[in-house]
Amino acid sequence: MQVIQKTLGTRIRELRLKRGWSQEQFADICDIHRSHMGEIERGETNLTLSTMLVIAQKLETTIAALFRGIA
């Protein structure tokens, strides 16, 4: 499970960086505390479905696309 969390976090970080957002900016956009966003991107926390949905929407992607290729 931890491998999935880390891979998902890395993917979220990559998509955020492609948009030129700092972690703090993206956390504000998603209405998530910056420290929690850091935990998400480092794969240190399990995401709720609602948090994943907000992140996917703000990154203009789908939850399915975030998980694509993660086994």
Protein backbone atom coordinates (compact mmCIF):
# COMPACT_ATOMS: atom_id res chain seq x y z
CA MET A 1 0.00 0.00 0.00
CA GLN A 2 2.81 2.40 0.82
CA VAL A 3 4.26 2.03 -2.69
CA ILE A 4 0.90 3.10 -4.13
CA GLN A 5 0.74 6.12 -1.81
CA LYS A 6 4.28 7.21 -2.74
CA THR A 7 3.65 6.75 -6.46
CA LEU A 8 0.37 8.65 -6.28
CA GLY A 9 2.05 11.44 -4.32
CA THR A 10 4.82 11.68 -6.88
CA ARG A 11 2.29 11.88 -9.69
CA ILE A 12 0.38 14.66 -7.92
CA ARG A 13 3.65 16.58 -7.36
CA GLU A 14 4.63 16.21 -11.04
CA LEU A 15 1.25 17.48 -12.25
CA ARG A 16 1.40 20.39 -9.80
CA LEU A 17 4.87 21.37 -10.96
CA LYS A 18 3.80 21.23 -14.62
CA ARG A 19 1.33 23.98 -13.76
CA GLY A 20 4.04 26.02 -12.07
CA TRP A 21 2.37 25.98 -8.65
CA SER A 22 4.28 25.86 -5.41
CA GLN A 23 3.10 23.32 -2.89
CA GLU A 24 1.69 26.14 -0.79
CA GLN A 25 -0.22 27.63 -3.76
CA PHE A 26 -1.66 24.25 -4.68
CA ALA A 27 -2.66 23.53 -1.09
CA ASP A 28 -4.51 26.87 -1.02
CA ILE A 29 -6.20 26.11 -4.35
CA CYS A 30 -7.37 22.76 -2.95
CA ASP A 31 -8.25 24.24 0.47
CA ILE A 32 -5.88 21.76 2.14
CA HIS A 33 -3.31 22.68 4.78
CA ARG A 34 0.18 22.92 3.27
CA SER A 35 1.64 20.39 5.69
CA HIS A 36 -1.07 17.89 4.75
CA MET A 37 -0.32 18.47 1.06
CA GLY A 38 3.32 17.71 1.83
CA GLU A 39 2.29 14.44 3.46
CA ILE A 40 0.17 13.59 0.41
CA GLU A 41 3.00 14.28 -2.02
CA ARG A 42 5.46 12.26 0.07
CA GLY A 43 3.02 9.34 0.25
CA GLU A 44 2.80 9.54 4.03
CA THR A 45 -1.00 9.57 4.31
CA ASN A 46 -4.02 7.78 2.95
CA LEU A 47 -6.16 10.09 0.88
CA THR A 48 -9.90 10.20 1.31
CA LEU A 49 -11.98 9.93 -1.83
CA SER A 50 -13.19 13.50 -1.40
CA THR A 51 -9.63 14.84 -1.14
CA MET A 52 -8.58 12.85 -4.21
CA LEU A 53 -11.52 14.26 -6.12
CA VAL A 54 -10.62 17.86 -5.21
CA ILE A 55 -6.98 17.31 -6.18
CA ALA A 56 -7.92 15.66 -9.48
CA GLN A 57 -10.36 18.46 -10.34
CA LYS A 58 -7.85 21.20 -9.58
CA LEU A 59 -5.25 19.39 -11.70
CA GLU A 60 -7.86 19.08 -14.47
CA THR A 61 -7.63 15.29 -14.54
CA THR A 62 -9.57 12.33 -13.20
CA ILE A 63 -9.00 10.06 -10.24
CA ALA A 64 -8.64 7.20 -12.73
CA ALA A 65 -5.86 9.08 -14.54
CA LEU A 66 -4.04 9.68 -11.25
CA PHE A 67 -4.01 5.91 -10.65
CA ARG A 68 -3.30 4.86 -14.25
CA GLY A 69 -0.35 2.47 -14.29
CA ILE A 70 -0.10 2.16 -10.51
CA ALA A 71 -0.30 -1.49 -9.50
